[in-house]
């Protein structure tokens, strides 16, 4: 019997597993409670990752813009 890995489950979750692997995982999920638990845990973790806000703060954006402005002024000043 094929030992399923976390990577196999991730491929399955993201729809990137082969038909054969998908069928193996579906069958295993029907019969293996530990695999079901890992599958549900991965789904929950993926959902949490999707909810993370990865935008920089306004302060960070302002600092970058100010830095860029200063450097642009230095570049464009006549020598």
PDB file of N, CA and C in Angstrom:
ATOM      1  N   UNK A   1       0.848  -1.189   0.000  1.00  0.00           N
ATOM      2  CA  UNK A   1       0.000   0.000   0.000  1.00  0.00           C
ATOM      3  C   UNK A   1       0.889   1.247   0.000  1.00  0.00           C
ATOM      4  N   UNK A   2       0.495   2.253  -0.709  1.00  0.00           N
ATOM      5  CA  UNK A   2       1.227   3.503  -0.842  1.00  0.00           C
ATOM      6  C   UNK A   2       1.036   4.341   0.412  1.00  0.00           C
ATOM      7  N   UNK A   3       2.134   4.802   1.016  1.00  0.00           N
ATOM      8  CA  UNK A   3       2.056   5.665   2.194  1.00  0.00           C
ATOM      9  C   UNK A   3       1.910   7.110   1.731  1.00  0.00           C
ATOM     10  N   UNK A   4       0.773   7.692   2.025  1.00  0.00           N
ATOM     11  CA  UNK A   4       0.500   9.060   1.602  1.00  0.00           C
ATOM     12  C   UNK A   4       1.273  10.051   2.463  1.00  0.00           C
ATOM     13  N   UNK A   5       1.752  11.095   1.827  1.00  0.00           N
ATOM     14  CA  UNK A   5       2.520  12.124   2.515  1.00  0.00           C
ATOM     15  C   UNK A   5       1.701  13.414   2.590  1.00  0.00           C
ATOM     16  N   UNK A   6       2.201  14.342   3.386  1.00  0.00           N
ATOM     17  CA  UNK A   6       1.584  15.661   3.462  1.00  0.00           C
ATOM     18  C   UNK A   6       1.609  16.325   2.089  1.00  0.00           C
ATOM     19  N   UNK A   7       2.700  16.132   1.377  1.00  0.00           N
ATOM     20  CA  UNK A   7       2.819  16.710   0.038  1.00  0.00           C
ATOM     21  C   UNK A   7       1.745  16.158  -0.894  1.00  0.00           C
ATOM     22  N   UNK A   8       1.450  14.857  -0.770  1.00  0.00           N
ATOM     23  CA  UNK A   8       0.386  14.263  -1.575  1.00  0.00           C
ATOM     24  C   UNK A   8      -0.956  14.934  -1.274  1.00  0.00           C
ATOM     25  N   UNK A   9      -1.215  15.160   0.016  1.00  0.00           N
ATOM     26  CA  UNK A   9      -2.475  15.796   0.402  1.00  0.00           C
ATOM     27  C   UNK A   9      -2.553  17.227  -0.121  1.00  0.00           C
ATOM     28  N   UNK A  10      -1.435  17.940  -0.072  1.00  0.00           N
ATOM     29  CA  UNK A  10      -1.430  19.309  -0.597  1.00  0.00           C
ATOM     30  C   UNK A  10      -1.684  19.329  -2.100  1.00  0.00           C
ATOM     31  N   UNK A  11      -1.073  18.396  -2.817  1.00  0.00           N
ATOM     32  CA  UNK A  11      -1.342  18.301  -4.256  1.00  0.00           C
ATOM     33  C   UNK A  11      -2.824  18.048  -4.500  1.00  0.00           C
ATOM     34  N   UNK A  12      -3.406  17.173  -3.703  1.00  0.00           N
ATOM     35  CA  UNK A  12      -4.828  16.838  -3.825  1.00  0.00           C
ATOM     36  C   UNK A  12      -5.696  18.064  -3.529  1.00  0.00           C
ATOM     37  N   UNK A  13      -5.382  18.765  -2.448  1.00  0.00           N
ATOM     38  CA  UNK A  13      -6.168  19.937  -2.042  1.00  0.00           C
ATOM     39  C   UNK A  13      -6.143  21.008  -3.129  1.00  0.00           C
ATOM     40  N   UNK A  14      -4.981  21.212  -3.730  1.00  0.00           N
ATOM     41  CA  UNK A  14      -4.846  22.247  -4.760  1.00  0.00           C
ATOM     42  C   UNK A  14      -5.186  21.746  -6.161  1.00  0.00           C
ATOM     43  N   UNK A  15      -5.688  20.514  -6.265  1.00  0.00           N
ATOM     44  CA  UNK A  15      -6.118  19.969  -7.552  1.00  0.00           C
ATOM     45  C   UNK A  15      -4.974  19.687  -8.507  1.00  0.00           C
ATOM     46  N   UNK A  16      -3.802  19.377  -7.959  1.00  0.00           N
ATOM     47  CA  UNK A  16      -2.632  19.142  -8.792  1.00  0.00           C
ATOM     48  C   UNK A  16      -2.154  17.692  -8.758  1.00  0.00           C
ATOM     49  N   UNK A  17      -2.917  16.821  -8.118  1.00  0.00           N
ATOM     50  CA  UNK A  17      -2.529  15.411  -8.062  1.00  0.00           C
ATOM     51  C   UNK A  17      -3.044  14.685  -9.305  1.00  0.00           C
ATOM     52  N   UNK A  18      -2.358  13.614  -9.631  1.00  0.00           N
ATOM     53  CA  UNK A  18      -2.792  12.801 -10.769  1.00  0.00           C
ATOM     54  C   UNK A  18      -4.126  12.141 -10.434  1.00  0.00           C
ATOM     55  N   UNK A  19      -4.789  11.648 -11.448  1.00  0.00           N
ATOM     56  CA  UNK A  19      -6.066  10.954 -11.239  1.00  0.00           C
ATOM     57  C   UNK A  19      -5.868   9.748 -10.336  1.00  0.00           C
ATOM     58  N   UNK A  20      -4.788   9.024 -10.563  1.00  0.00           N
ATOM     59  CA  UNK A  20      -4.500   7.831  -9.751  1.00  0.00           C
ATOM     60  C   UNK A  20      -4.274   8.214  -8.288  1.00  0.00           C
ATOM     61  N   UNK A  21      -3.475   9.250  -8.060  1.00  0.00           N
ATOM     62  CA  UNK A  21      -3.220   9.682  -6.687  1.00  0.00           C
ATOM     63  C   UNK A  21      -4.488  10.220  -6.041  1.00  0.00           C
ATOM     64  N   UNK A  22      -5.275  10.973  -6.787  1.00  0.00           N
ATOM     65  CA  UNK A  22      -6.541  11.495  -6.253  1.00  0.00           C
ATOM     66  C   UNK A  22      -7.460  10.367  -5.817  1.00  0.00           C
ATOM     67  N   UNK A  23      -7.560   9.342  -6.631  1.00  0.00           N
ATOM     68  CA  UNK A  23      -8.407   8.198  -6.286  1.00  0.00           C
ATOM     69  C   UNK A  23      -7.875   7.474  -5.048  1.00  0.00           C
ATOM     70  N   UNK A  24      -6.561   7.352  -4.952  1.00  0.00           N
ATOM     71  CA  UNK A  24      -5.949   6.717  -3.777  1.00  0.00           C
ATOM     72  C   UNK A  24      -6.256   7.518  -2.521  1.00  0.00           C
ATOM     73  N   UNK A  25      -6.144   8.836  -2.622  1.00  0.00           N
ATOM     74  CA  UNK A  25      -6.399   9.698  -1.469  1.00  0.00           C
ATOM     75  C   UNK A  25      -7.872   9.646  -1.070  1.00  0.00           C
ATOM     76  N   UNK A  26      -8.766   9.691  -2.038  1.00  0.00           N
ATOM     77  CA  UNK A  26     -10.198   9.632  -1.733  1.00  0.00           C
ATOM     78  C   UNK A  26     -10.544   8.351  -0.989  1.00  0.00           C
ATOM     79  N   UNK A  27     -10.010   7.248  -1.463  1.00  0.00           N
ATOM     80  CA  UNK A  27     -10.263   5.958  -0.806  1.00  0.00           C
ATOM     81  C   UNK A  27      -9.675   5.947   0.598  1.00  0.00           C
ATOM     82  N   UNK A  28      -8.460   6.455   0.725  1.00  0.00           N
ATOM     83  CA  UNK A  28      -7.804   6.468   2.031  1.00  0.00           C
ATOM     84  C   UNK A  28      -8.551   7.375   3.008  1.00  0.00           C
ATOM     85  N   UNK A  29      -9.055   8.503   2.532  1.00  0.00           N
ATOM     86  CA  UNK A  29      -9.797   9.409   3.408  1.00  0.00           C
ATOM     87  C   UNK A  29     -11.081   8.778   3.940  1.00  0.00           C
ATOM     88  N   UNK A  30     -11.655   7.871   3.188  1.00  0.00           N
ATOM     89  CA  UNK A  30     -12.877   7.185   3.630  1.00  0.00           C
ATOM     90  C   UNK A  30     -12.591   6.196   4.755  1.00  0.00           C
ATOM     91  N   UNK A  31     -11.337   5.729   4.847  1.00  0.00           N
ATOM     92  CA  UNK A  31     -11.034   4.634   5.760  1.00  0.00           C
ATOM     93  C   UNK A  31     -10.018   4.964   6.855  1.00  0.00           C
ATOM     94  N   UNK A  32      -9.318   6.049   6.757  1.00  0.00           N
ATOM     95  CA  UNK A  32      -8.212   6.339   7.681  1.00  0.00           C
ATOM     96  C   UNK A  32      -8.510   7.627   8.443  1.00  0.00           C
ATOM     97  N   UNK A  33      -8.873   7.495   9.719  1.00  0.00           N
ATOM     98  CA  UNK A  33      -9.244   8.668  10.508  1.00  0.00           C
ATOM     99  C   UNK A  33      -8.061   9.593  10.751  1.00  0.00           C
ATOM    100  N   UNK A  34      -6.834   9.042  10.860  1.00  0.00           N
ATOM    101  CA  UNK A  34      -5.652   9.894  11.055  1.00  0.00           C
ATOM    102  C   UNK A  34      -5.389  10.740   9.813  1.00  0.00           C
ATOM    103  N   UNK A  35      -5.586  10.149   8.654  1.00  0.00           N
ATOM    104  CA  UNK A  35      -5.422  10.894   7.410  1.00  0.00           C
ATOM    105  C   UNK A  35      -6.507  11.960   7.282  1.00  0.00           C
ATOM    106  N   UNK A  36      -7.731  11.624   7.673  1.00  0.00           N
ATOM    107  CA  UNK A  36      -8.818  12.609   7.666  1.00  0.00           C
ATOM    108  C   UNK A  36      -8.466  13.795   8.560  1.00  0.00           C
ATOM    109  N   UNK A  37      -7.889  13.520   9.717  1.00  0.00           N
ATOM    110  CA  UNK A  37      -7.509  14.578  10.653  1.00  0.00           C
ATOM    111  C   UNK A  37      -6.424  15.467  10.050  1.00  0.00           C
ATOM    112  N   UNK A  38      -5.421  14.862   9.427  1.00  0.00           N
ATOM    113  CA  UNK A  38      -4.367  15.649   8.789  1.00  0.00           C
ATOM    114  C   UNK A  38      -4.932  16.488   7.641  1.00  0.00           C
ATOM    115  N   UNK A  39      -5.838  15.902   6.878  1.00  0.00           N
ATOM    116  CA  UNK A  39      -6.476  16.598   5.759  1.00  0.00           C
ATOM    117  C   UNK A  39      -7.255  17.816   6.259  1.00  0.00           C
ATOM    118  N   UNK A  40      -8.049  17.638   7.303  1.00  0.00           N
ATOM    119  CA  UNK A  40      -8.829  18.749   7.864  1.00  0.00           C
ATOM    120  C   UNK A  40      -7.905  19.820   8.449  1.00  0.00           C
ATOM    121  N   UNK A  41      -6.826  19.406   9.078  1.00  0.00           N
ATOM    122  CA  UNK A  41      -5.859  20.355   9.630  1.00  0.00           C
ATOM    123  C   UNK A  41      -5.233  21.182   8.516  1.00  0.00           C
ATOM    124  N   UNK A  42      -4.843  20.535   7.426  1.00  0.00           N
ATOM    125  CA  UNK A  42      -4.264  21.255   6.293  1.00  0.00           C
ATOM    126  C   UNK A  42      -5.259  22.245   5.699  1.00  0.00           C
ATOM    127  N   UNK A  43      -6.499  21.823   5.553  1.00  0.00           N
ATOM    128  CA  UNK A  43      -7.530  22.732   5.021  1.00  0.00           C
ATOM    129  C   UNK A  43      -7.687  23.960   5.910  1.00  0.00           C
ATOM    130  N   UNK A  44      -7.702  23.749   7.224  1.00  0.00           N
ATOM    131  CA  UNK A  44      -7.850  24.868   8.164  1.00  0.00           C
ATOM    132  C   UNK A  44      -6.639  25.790   8.093  1.00  0.00           C
ATOM    133  N   UNK A  45      -5.452  25.222   7.990  1.00  0.00           N
ATOM    134  CA  UNK A  45      -4.241  26.039   7.911  1.00  0.00           C
ATOM    135  C   UNK A  45      -4.204  26.847   6.613  1.00  0.00           C
ATOM    136  N   UNK A  46      -4.617  26.236   5.536  1.00  0.00           N
ATOM    137  CA  UNK A  46      -4.662  26.949   4.252  1.00  0.00           C
ATOM    138  C   UNK A  46      -5.649  28.107   4.328  1.00  0.00           C
ATOM    139  N   UNK A  47      -6.790  27.880   4.950  1.00  0.00           N
ATOM    140  CA  UNK A  47      -7.776  28.938   5.101  1.00  0.00           C
ATOM    141  C   UNK A  47      -7.206  30.087   5.932  1.00  0.00           C
ATOM    142  N   UNK A  48      -6.484  29.764   6.997  1.00  0.00           N
ATOM    143  CA  UNK A  48      -5.870  30.804   7.819  1.00  0.00           C
ATOM    144  C   UNK A  48      -4.841  31.593   7.023  1.00  0.00           C
ATOM    145  N   UNK A  49      -4.048  30.905   6.210  1.00  0.00           N
ATOM    146  CA  UNK A  49      -3.058  31.594   5.383  1.00  0.00           C
ATOM    147  C   UNK A  49      -3.729  32.535   4.391  1.00  0.00           C
ATOM    148  N   UNK A  50      -4.855  32.104   3.843  1.00  0.00           N
ATOM    149  CA  UNK A  50      -5.577  32.928   2.879  1.00  0.00           C
ATOM    150  C   UNK A  50      -6.137  34.201   3.518  1.00  0.00           C
ATOM    151  N   UNK A  51      -6.354  34.159   4.826  1.00  0.00           N
ATOM    152  CA  UNK A  51      -6.933  35.302   5.527  1.00  0.00           C
ATOM    153  C   UNK A  51      -5.888  36.301   6.015  1.00  0.00           C
ATOM    154  N   UNK A  52      -4.615  35.969   5.924  1.00  0.00           N
ATOM    155  CA  UNK A  52      -3.564  36.856   6.402  1.00  0.00           C
ATOM    156  C   UNK A  52      -3.454  38.064   5.490  1.00  0.00           C
ATOM    157  N   UNK A  53      -3.383  39.233   6.096  1.00  0.00           N
ATOM    158  CA  UNK A  53      -3.227  40.474   5.350  1.00  0.00           C
ATOM    159  C   UNK A  53      -1.735  40.743   5.196  1.00  0.00           C
ATOM    160  N   UNK A  54      -1.248  40.676   3.978  1.00  0.00           N
ATOM    161  CA  UNK A  54       0.173  40.841   3.732  1.00  0.00           C
ATOM    162  C   UNK A  54       0.524  42.220   3.188  1.00  0.00           C
ATOM    163  N   UNK A  55      -0.311  43.193   3.427  1.00  0.00           N
ATOM    164  CA  UNK A  55      -0.062  44.544   2.943  1.00  0.00           C
ATOM    165  C   UNK A  55       0.832  45.287   3.928  1.00  0.00           C
ATOM    166  N   UNK A  56       1.758  46.117   3.417  1.00  0.00           N
ATOM    167  CA  UNK A  56       2.588  46.909   4.322  1.00  0.00           C
ATOM    168  C   UNK A  56       1.760  48.007   4.985  1.00  0.00           C
ATOM    169  N   UNK A  57       2.220  48.460   6.116  1.00  0.00           N
ATOM    170  CA  UNK A  57       1.507  49.532   6.814  1.00  0.00           C
ATOM    171  C   UNK A  57       1.665  50.843   6.051  1.00  0.00           C
ATOM    172  N   UNK A  58       0.804  51.792   6.345  1.00  0.00           N
ATOM    173  CA  UNK A  58       0.871  53.112   5.711  1.00  0.00           C
ATOM    174  C   UNK A  58       2.201  53.784   6.045  1.00  0.00           C
ATOM    175  N   UNK A  59       2.680  53.586   7.275  1.00  0.00           N
ATOM    176  CA  UNK A  59       3.950  54.166   7.699  1.00  0.00           C
ATOM    177  C   UNK A  59       5.108  53.622   6.847  1.00  0.00           C
ATOM    178  N   UNK A  60       5.089  52.345   6.573  1.00  0.00           N
ATOM    179  CA  UNK A  60       6.135  51.732   5.748  1.00  0.00           C
ATOM    180  C   UNK A  60       6.094  52.291   4.335  1.00  0.00           C
ATOM    181  N   UNK A  61       4.918  52.414   3.776  1.00  0.00           N
ATOM    182  CA  UNK A  61       4.777  52.959   2.421  1.00  0.00           C
ATOM    183  C   UNK A  61       5.272  54.406   2.385  1.00  0.00           C
ATOM    184  N   UNK A  62       4.901  55.202   3.387  1.00  0.00           N
ATOM    185  CA  UNK A  62       5.348  56.592   3.452  1.00  0.00           C
ATOM    186  C   UNK A  62       6.870  56.671   3.536  1.00  0.00           C
ATOM    187  N   UNK A  63       7.475  55.804   4.327  1.00  0.00           N
ATOM    188  CA  UNK A  63       8.935  55.799   4.461  1.00  0.00           C
ATOM    189  C   UNK A  63       9.613  55.465   3.136  1.00  0.00           C
ATOM    190  N   UNK A  64       9.089  54.506   2.431  1.00  0.00           N
ATOM    191  CA  UNK A  64       9.652  54.124   1.126  1.00  0.00           C
ATOM    192  C   UNK A  64       9.520  55.269   0.130  1.00  0.00           C
ATOM    193  N   UNK A  65       8.373  55.896   0.107  1.00  0.00           N
ATOM    194  CA  UNK A  65       8.161  57.016  -0.818  1.00  0.00           C
ATOM    195  C   UNK A  65       9.080  58.187  -0.492  1.00  0.00           C
ATOM    196  N   UNK A  66       9.241  58.474   0.787  1.00  0.00           N
ATOM    197  CA  UNK A  66      10.130  59.561   1.197  1.00  0.00           C
ATOM    198  C   UNK A  66      11.575  59.257   0.811  1.00  0.00           C
ATOM    199  N   UNK A  67      12.004  58.034   1.044  1.00  0.00           N
ATOM    200  CA  UNK A  67      13.357  57.611   0.666  1.00  0.00           C
ATOM    201  C   UNK A  67      13.557  57.744  -0.842  1.00  0.00           C
ATOM    202  N   UNK A  68      12.577  57.302  -1.608  1.00  0.00           N
ATOM    203  CA  UNK A  68      12.660  57.397  -3.064  1.00  0.00           C
ATOM    204  C   UNK A  68      12.722  58.849  -3.520  1.00  0.00           C
ATOM    205  N   UNK A  69      11.932  59.689  -2.897  1.00  0.00           N
ATOM    206  CA  UNK A  69      11.908  61.114  -3.257  1.00  0.00           C
ATOM    207  C   UNK A  69      13.278  61.745  -3.015  1.00  0.00           C
ATOM    208  N   UNK A  70      13.877  61.457  -1.859  1.00  0.00           N
ATOM    209  CA  UNK A  70      15.202  62.003  -1.543  1.00  0.00           C
ATOM    210  C   UNK A  70      16.243  61.539  -2.554  1.00  0.00           C
ATOM    211  N   UNK A  71      16.215  60.261  -2.881  1.00  0.00           N
ATOM    212  CA  UNK A  71      17.184  59.728  -3.841  1.00  0.00           C
ATOM    213  C   UNK A  71      16.965  60.307  -5.228  1.00  0.00           C
ATOM    214  N   UNK A  72      15.732  60.514  -5.611  1.00  0.00           N
ATOM    215  CA  UNK A  72      15.433  61.097  -6.914  1.00  0.00           C
ATOM    216  C   UNK A  72      15.946  62.532  -6.983  1.00  0.00           C
ATOM    217  N   UNK A  73      15.766  63.269  -5.885  1.00  0.00           N
ATOM    218  CA  UNK A  73      16.250  64.651  -5.845  1.00  0.00           C
ATOM    219  C   UNK A  73      17.761  64.692  -5.990  1.00  0.00           C
ATOM    220  N   UNK A  74      18.459  63.749  -5.355  1.00  0.00           N
ATOM    221  CA  UNK A  74      19.920  63.701  -5.438  1.00  0.00           C
ATOM    222  C   UNK A  74      20.378  63.366  -6.854  1.00  0.00           C
ATOM    223  N   UNK A  75      19.656  62.502  -7.517  1.00  0.00           N
ATOM    224  CA  UNK A  75      20.020  62.094  -8.864  1.00  0.00           C
ATOM    225  C   UNK A  75      19.787  63.215  -9.864  1.00  0.00           C
ATOM    226  N   UNK A  76      18.708  63.967  -9.680  1.00  0.00           N
ATOM    227  CA  UNK A  76      18.315  64.978 -10.663  1.00  0.00           C
ATOM    228  C   UNK A  76      18.922  66.360 -10.402  1.00  0.00           C
ATOM    229  N   UNK A  77      19.632  66.553  -9.272  1.00  0.00           N
ATOM    230  CA  UNK A  77      20.265  67.836  -8.991  1.00  0.00           C
ATOM    231  C   UNK A  77      21.411  68.074  -9.974  1.00  0.00           C
ATOM    232  N   UNK A  78      21.518  69.310 -10.461  1.00  0.00           N
ATOM    233  CA  UNK A  78      22.640  69.604 -11.353  1.00  0.00           C
ATOM    234  C   UNK A  78      23.960  69.547 -10.596  1.00  0.00           C
ATOM    235  N   UNK A  79      24.988  69.072 -11.301  1.00  0.00           N
ATOM    236  CA  UNK A  79      26.297  68.939 -10.649  1.00  0.00           C
ATOM    237  C   UNK A  79      27.061  70.225 -10.597  1.00  0.00           C
TER     238      UNK A  79
END
